Protein backbone atom coordinates (compact mmCIF):
# COMPACT_ATOMS: atom_id res chain seq x y z
CA MET A 1 -116.64 2.65 139.59
CA THR A 2 -115.25 -0.63 138.35
CA ASN A 3 -112.24 -1.28 136.20
CA GLU A 4 -112.92 -4.02 133.58
CA ASN A 5 -109.30 -4.55 132.33
CA PHE A 6 -107.06 -4.61 135.39
CA ASN A 7 -107.05 -8.02 137.16
CA GLY A 8 -104.76 -7.19 140.04
CA PHE A 9 -101.17 -8.13 140.73
CA LYS A 10 -100.02 -11.73 140.65
CA LYS A 11 -97.11 -13.59 142.29
CA GLU A 12 -95.25 -13.59 139.01
CA ASP A 13 -95.41 -9.80 138.77
CA PHE A 14 -93.38 -9.40 141.94
CA GLU A 15 -90.99 -12.13 140.73
CA VAL A 16 -89.99 -9.88 137.81
CA PHE A 17 -87.70 -8.09 140.22
CA THR A 18 -85.70 -11.23 140.89
CA ILE A 19 -84.75 -11.82 137.18
CA ASP A 20 -81.11 -11.49 136.65
CA GLY A 21 -79.67 -8.96 134.11
CA LEU A 22 -81.02 -5.60 132.83
CA GLU A 23 -82.19 -6.87 129.40
CA ASP A 24 -84.09 -9.94 130.70
CA ARG A 25 -85.69 -8.05 133.56
CA MET A 26 -86.69 -5.09 131.36
CA GLU A 27 -88.19 -7.32 128.71
CA THR A 28 -90.45 -9.14 131.20
CA LEU A 29 -91.21 -5.77 132.87
CA LYS A 30 -92.42 -4.41 129.50
CA SER A 31 -94.46 -7.42 128.57
CA GLN A 32 -96.01 -8.26 131.93
CA ILE A 33 -96.13 -5.20 134.30
CA GLN A 34 -96.17 -2.15 132.03
CA PRO A 35 -99.56 -3.20 130.47
CA LYS A 36 -101.02 -3.27 133.95
CA PHE A 37 -99.56 0.20 134.59
CA GLU A 38 -101.07 1.40 131.46
CA GLN A 39 -104.49 0.16 132.57
CA LEU A 40 -104.04 1.78 135.91
CA GLY A 41 -102.91 5.07 134.22
CA GLN A 42 -105.96 5.16 131.96
CA TYR A 43 -108.28 4.34 134.83
CA PHE A 44 -106.87 6.70 137.47
CA SER A 45 -106.10 9.83 135.30
CA PRO A 46 -109.79 10.87 135.06
CA SER A 47 -110.50 10.18 138.63
CA LEU A 48 -107.34 12.05 139.93
CA THR A 49 -108.31 14.93 137.64
CA ALA A 50 -111.67 15.08 139.35
CA MET A 51 -110.22 14.61 142.83
CA THR A 52 -107.51 17.37 142.51
CA GLY A 53 -109.07 19.84 140.11
CA ASP A 54 -105.89 19.57 137.98
CA GLU A 55 -105.73 17.74 134.63
CA MET A 56 -103.65 14.68 135.49
CA HIS A 57 -101.61 12.76 133.00
CA TYR A 58 -99.98 9.38 133.59
CA HIS A 59 -96.37 8.40 133.02
CA VAL A 60 -95.29 4.72 133.03
CA ALA A 61 -91.70 4.45 134.16
CA LYS A 62 -89.38 3.50 131.26
CA HIS A 63 -86.11 3.17 133.12
CA ALA A 64 -84.49 4.39 129.88
CA ARG A 65 -81.24 5.77 131.45
CA ARG A 66 -80.25 2.40 132.84
CA THR A 67 -77.26 0.71 131.26
CA LYS A 68 -76.22 -1.85 133.70
CA ASN A 69 -78.30 -2.26 136.99
CA PRO A 70 -81.84 -3.67 136.49
CA PRO A 71 -84.63 -1.73 138.23
CA LYS A 72 -85.52 -2.90 141.70
CA ASP A 73 -89.01 -1.33 141.40
CA SER A 74 -91.27 0.21 138.86
CA TRP A 75 -94.38 2.41 138.76
CA VAL A 76 -96.86 4.55 136.96
CA ALA A 77 -96.81 8.26 138.08
CA PHE A 78 -99.57 10.97 137.72
CA ALA A 79 -98.90 14.67 137.44
CA ASN A 80 -100.60 17.79 135.90
CA ASN A 81 -98.10 17.89 133.09
CA ALA A 82 -98.15 15.70 129.95
CA ARG A 83 -94.30 15.85 129.52
CA GLY A 84 -93.07 14.69 132.91
CA TYR A 85 -93.76 14.35 136.64
CA LYS A 86 -90.41 14.42 138.67
CA MET A 87 -90.33 18.19 139.04
CA LEU A 88 -93.95 18.30 140.26
CA PRO A 89 -96.03 16.97 143.17
CA HIS A 90 -97.36 13.69 141.94
CA PHE A 91 -98.88 10.33 142.81
CA GLN A 92 -97.33 6.97 142.15
CA ILE A 93 -98.74 3.35 141.98
CA GLY A 94 -95.92 0.71 141.77
CA LEU A 95 -94.18 -2.46 142.83
CA TRP A 96 -91.16 -3.65 144.67
CA GLU A 97 -90.44 -7.36 144.90
CA THR A 98 -92.02 -7.35 148.30
CA HIS A 99 -95.04 -5.06 148.03
CA VAL A 100 -97.34 -2.73 146.13
CA PHE A 101 -96.96 0.95 146.92
CA VAL A 102 -99.28 4.04 146.52
CA TRP A 103 -97.63 7.34 147.10
CA PHE A 104 -98.12 11.01 147.09
CA ALA A 105 -94.70 12.28 146.38
CA VAL A 106 -92.56 15.43 146.23
CA ILE A 107 -88.99 14.21 145.20
CA TYR A 108 -85.77 16.06 145.12
CA GLU A 109 -86.17 17.32 141.54
CA ALA A 110 -89.19 19.49 142.58
CA PRO A 111 -88.07 23.15 142.85
CA MET A 112 -90.98 23.89 145.27
CA LYS A 113 -89.96 21.30 147.87
CA GLU A 114 -88.50 23.83 150.39
CA ALA A 115 -91.63 25.92 150.17
CA PHE A 116 -93.75 22.85 150.59
CA GLY A 117 -91.66 21.87 153.68
CA GLU A 118 -92.63 25.23 155.23
CA ILE A 119 -96.31 24.57 154.59
CA LEU A 120 -96.05 21.07 156.05
CA LEU A 121 -94.38 22.38 159.19
CA LYS A 122 -97.17 24.93 159.70
CA ASN A 123 -99.83 22.21 159.32
CA VAL A 124 -98.13 19.47 161.25
CA SER A 125 -101.04 19.01 163.75
CA SER A 126 -103.74 18.76 161.06
CA ILE A 127 -101.69 16.39 158.97
CA ARG A 128 -101.16 14.09 161.95
CA GLU A 129 -105.02 14.04 162.31
CA GLN A 130 -105.55 13.36 158.55
CA ILE A 131 -103.10 10.54 158.06
CA PRO A 132 -104.12 7.13 159.46
CA SER A 133 -101.84 5.28 161.79
CA GLU A 134 -101.10 2.46 159.35
CA PHE A 135 -100.05 4.83 156.52
CA VAL A 136 -96.26 5.27 155.97
CA TRP A 137 -93.79 7.98 155.08
CA SER A 138 -90.60 7.85 153.06
CA LYS A 139 -87.71 10.26 152.62
CA ASP A 140 -86.14 8.48 149.64
CA HIS A 141 -88.24 7.02 146.83
CA THR A 142 -85.34 4.79 145.70
CA LYS A 143 -85.44 2.79 148.90
CA PRO A 144 -88.16 0.44 150.23
CA GLU A 145 -87.62 1.51 153.89
CA VAL A 146 -90.52 3.52 155.36
CA ILE A 147 -91.51 5.19 158.65
CA ARG A 148 -95.01 4.27 159.90
CA GLN A 149 -97.29 7.26 160.82
CA SER A 150 -97.96 5.46 164.26
CA ASP A 151 -94.10 5.61 165.02
CA LEU A 152 -93.89 9.40 164.42
CA THR A 153 -94.19 11.78 167.33
CA GLU A 154 -95.02 15.43 166.61
CA GLU A 155 -91.33 16.26 167.02
CA THR A 156 -90.02 13.52 164.63
CA HIS A 157 -92.74 14.52 162.15
CA LYS A 158 -91.41 18.11 162.23
CA GLU A 159 -87.86 16.80 161.70
CA LEU A 160 -89.03 15.03 158.60
CA PHE A 161 -90.54 18.22 157.26
CA GLU A 162 -87.55 20.35 158.25
CA ARG A 163 -85.34 17.95 156.30
CA LEU A 164 -87.23 18.74 153.19
CA ILE A 165 -86.36 22.39 153.65
CA ASN A 166 -82.75 21.95 154.65
CA VAL A 167 -81.41 18.92 152.84
CA LYS A 168 -80.85 19.36 149.03
CA LYS A 169 -81.63 15.74 148.05
CA ALA A 170 -84.47 15.39 150.62
CA GLU A 171 -87.83 13.98 149.52
CA ILE A 172 -91.22 13.36 151.08
CA LEU A 173 -93.66 10.58 150.25
CA CYS A 174 -96.75 9.45 152.02
CA GLY A 175 -99.09 6.55 151.28
CA ILE A 176 -99.49 2.84 151.74
CA GLN A 177 -97.66 -0.41 151.19
CA ILE A 178 -99.60 -3.63 150.52
CA PRO A 179 -97.51 -6.69 151.25
CA LYS A 180 -97.04 -9.07 148.32
CA GLU A 181 -98.83 -11.90 150.19
CA GLU A 182 -101.87 -9.66 150.63
CA ALA A 183 -101.78 -8.09 147.16
CA ILE A 184 -101.88 -11.39 145.29
CA LYS A 185 -105.17 -12.33 147.06
CA LEU A 186 -106.88 -9.08 145.93
CA THR A 187 -109.05 -8.97 142.78
CA GLY A 188 -108.54 -6.12 140.30
CA ASP A 189 -111.57 -4.25 141.70
CA GLU A 190 -110.29 -4.69 145.29
CA THR A 191 -106.84 -3.52 144.36
CA VAL A 192 -108.29 -0.39 142.62
CA ALA A 193 -110.49 0.26 145.68
CA ARG A 194 -107.42 0.15 147.96
CA ILE A 195 -105.53 2.48 145.75
CA GLU A 196 -108.40 4.82 145.46
CA GLU A 197 -108.89 4.94 149.24
CA ALA A 198 -105.16 5.72 149.75
CA ILE A 199 -105.21 8.46 147.21
CA GLN A 200 -108.34 10.04 148.67
CA THR A 201 -106.55 9.98 152.12
CA VAL A 202 -103.31 11.79 150.86
CA LYS A 203 -104.94 14.13 148.40
CA GLY A 204 -105.05 16.88 151.04
CA LEU A 205 -101.24 16.85 150.92
CA TYR A 206 -101.32 17.43 147.24
CA GLN A 207 -103.83 20.34 147.67
CA MET A 208 -101.36 21.91 150.17
CA THR A 209 -98.71 21.99 147.34
CA LYS A 210 -100.87 24.51 145.56
CA GLN A 211 -100.21 27.07 148.35
CA THR A 212 -96.50 27.03 147.20
CA VAL A 213 -97.71 28.61 143.90
CA GLU A 214 -99.73 31.17 145.66
CA ALA A 215 -96.97 32.13 148.13
């Protein structure tokens, strides 16, 4: 499958996050990056629907609640609800100043996160087999810091999942980061292929969230 509209991320896309002031940064974000997120949203919604068996809707981050601090990152999210995604397991494609990210995410607003933590704990061995060593995990979607899969022992992996059960604001995200220097060299089709490959890899985690409904 090719994507005719999206032509990848350029150096100036990452530089948006260096613009001073909320208004100026938001203006450039809206004119320069959000159209790319719209393209990715339109492209990936049908393929994510096919991949997951759920009708997936895309949501471009609007950063509407911000009154002072400009956003340090931005994204398009995909969830099986047309009205919102934060309360649900979802996928994200987005940018920080330093990298592109592709995530499967369960963030703190999700009411099923404790139940999901229990399922992750039960399946820790198979998850460690499914997730490649270069993939990364995050426990806070608002920070760029991550933990590489290759740096996690079975014990520290369990601790990550237990945190999801026991800490009210805990989150779990798994996916990839593509450094800016690498991302700007990729064509639109190459970027889409990398995103697609990452989502295919983490979609098993999304399917596990369905067990929280059955439980």
